[in-house]
Every structure is written in structure tokens, then in C-alpha cells.
């Protein structure tokens, strides 16, 4: 699954267009390297999101196309 879609489906970022812009501006890093929106996310990847002064680091647990709002938190674990 593409990185921008994963960020939206897991509800780490509210909209896919915002996730795409964050990737373009270098605010998203996967495994310590800046990542493009087209990066293919795999379980075990570490994603760091920097928005404003806040940085969130998560590890991908699972990748799924459709997830209910209640189950979105199970797609990743915070580090």
C-alpha cells in the first residue's frame, strides 16, 4: 500500500492530500530516510511524522485497505 494511503487509512493524517503534501515537503520519514508518497509500506517499517513542533513515531503492525475507525489504531504501535 502507498504511504499516503496508509497514513489516511490508519488515521495518522486526516486526509490523503495532506499526507501527500507532507511527503513532498520531507515531513515524513520511513526507516530514518525521507519518503515519497509512493513508497510501499510493509509491516515492520518505522514511520516518523513531523507536523509543526510535534513528532510522532510509529511502527507498522499491519497493512489493510479498509479499516473501521475503531480498528485503525491496531494498524500501528507508537514508539
Protein backbone atom coordinates (compact mmCIF):
# COMPACT_ATOMS: atom_id res chain seq x y z
CA UNK A 1 0.00 0.00 0.00
CA UNK A 2 1.22 3.51 -0.78
CA UNK A 3 2.48 5.59 2.14
CA UNK A 4 -0.02 8.42 1.66
CA UNK A 5 -2.93 5.98 1.59
CA UNK A 6 -1.63 4.14 4.67
CA UNK A 7 -1.42 7.39 6.63
CA UNK A 8 -5.02 8.16 5.75
CA UNK A 9 -6.44 4.66 6.32
CA UNK A 10 -4.67 4.35 9.69
CA UNK A 11 -5.94 7.85 10.53
CA UNK A 12 -2.49 9.17 11.42
CA UNK A 13 -3.25 12.02 8.99
CA UNK A 14 -6.83 13.04 8.29
CA UNK A 15 -6.72 13.48 4.51
CA UNK A 16 -4.72 11.78 1.77
CA UNK A 17 -3.91 15.08 0.09
CA UNK A 18 -2.41 16.38 3.35
CA UNK A 19 -0.37 13.17 3.65
CA UNK A 20 0.81 13.59 0.06
CA UNK A 21 1.89 17.21 0.70
CA UNK A 22 3.69 16.21 3.91
CA UNK A 23 5.66 13.61 1.95
CA UNK A 24 6.52 16.15 -0.75
CA UNK A 25 7.78 18.60 1.89
CA UNK A 26 10.02 15.99 3.58
CA UNK A 27 7.99 15.79 6.81
CA UNK A 28 7.56 12.00 6.61
CA UNK A 29 10.50 9.64 7.15
CA UNK A 30 10.40 5.86 6.83
CA UNK A 31 13.20 3.88 8.49
CA UNK A 32 15.18 7.10 9.02
CA UNK A 33 15.02 8.34 5.40
CA UNK A 34 12.65 10.89 3.83
CA UNK A 35 9.99 9.01 1.87
CA UNK A 36 7.86 9.80 -1.16
CA UNK A 37 4.09 9.29 -1.13
CA UNK A 38 4.50 6.32 -3.48
CA UNK A 39 6.67 4.34 -1.01
CA UNK A 40 5.24 0.83 -0.45
CA UNK A 41 4.57 0.37 3.28
CA UNK A 42 5.36 -3.04 4.82
CA UNK A 43 4.85 -4.40 8.34
CA UNK A 44 7.88 -3.56 10.47
CA UNK A 45 8.53 -0.16 8.85
CA UNK A 46 9.13 2.76 11.23
CA UNK A 47 7.36 5.97 10.23
CA UNK A 48 8.23 9.38 11.70
CA UNK A 49 5.77 12.22 11.10
CA UNK A 50 6.77 15.82 11.83
CA UNK A 51 3.92 18.31 11.74
CA UNK A 52 4.70 21.66 13.32
CA UNK A 53 6.67 21.19 16.53
CA UNK A 54 5.19 17.71 17.11
CA UNK A 55 6.88 14.49 16.02
CA UNK A 56 5.09 11.14 16.06
CA UNK A 57 6.97 7.87 15.61
CA UNK A 58 5.09 4.64 14.88
CA UNK A 59 5.86 1.11 13.76
CA UNK A 60 3.63 -0.51 11.14
CA UNK A 61 1.95 -3.64 12.52
CA UNK A 62 -0.40 -4.46 9.65
CA UNK A 63 -1.46 -3.13 6.27
CA UNK A 64 -5.15 -3.29 5.30
CA UNK A 65 -7.14 -1.48 2.60
CA UNK A 66 -10.36 -0.92 4.53
CA UNK A 67 -10.41 -0.45 8.28
CA UNK A 68 -13.16 0.80 10.57
CA UNK A 69 -12.46 3.85 12.69
CA UNK A 70 -12.36 1.78 15.89
CA UNK A 71 -9.78 -0.65 14.46
CA UNK A 72 -7.46 1.95 12.87
CA UNK A 73 -5.26 2.11 15.98
CA UNK A 74 -4.40 -1.57 15.61
CA UNK A 75 -2.56 -0.89 12.32
CA UNK A 76 0.40 0.66 14.14
CA UNK A 77 2.03 0.98 17.55
CA UNK A 78 3.52 4.17 18.89
CA UNK A 79 7.19 4.21 19.76
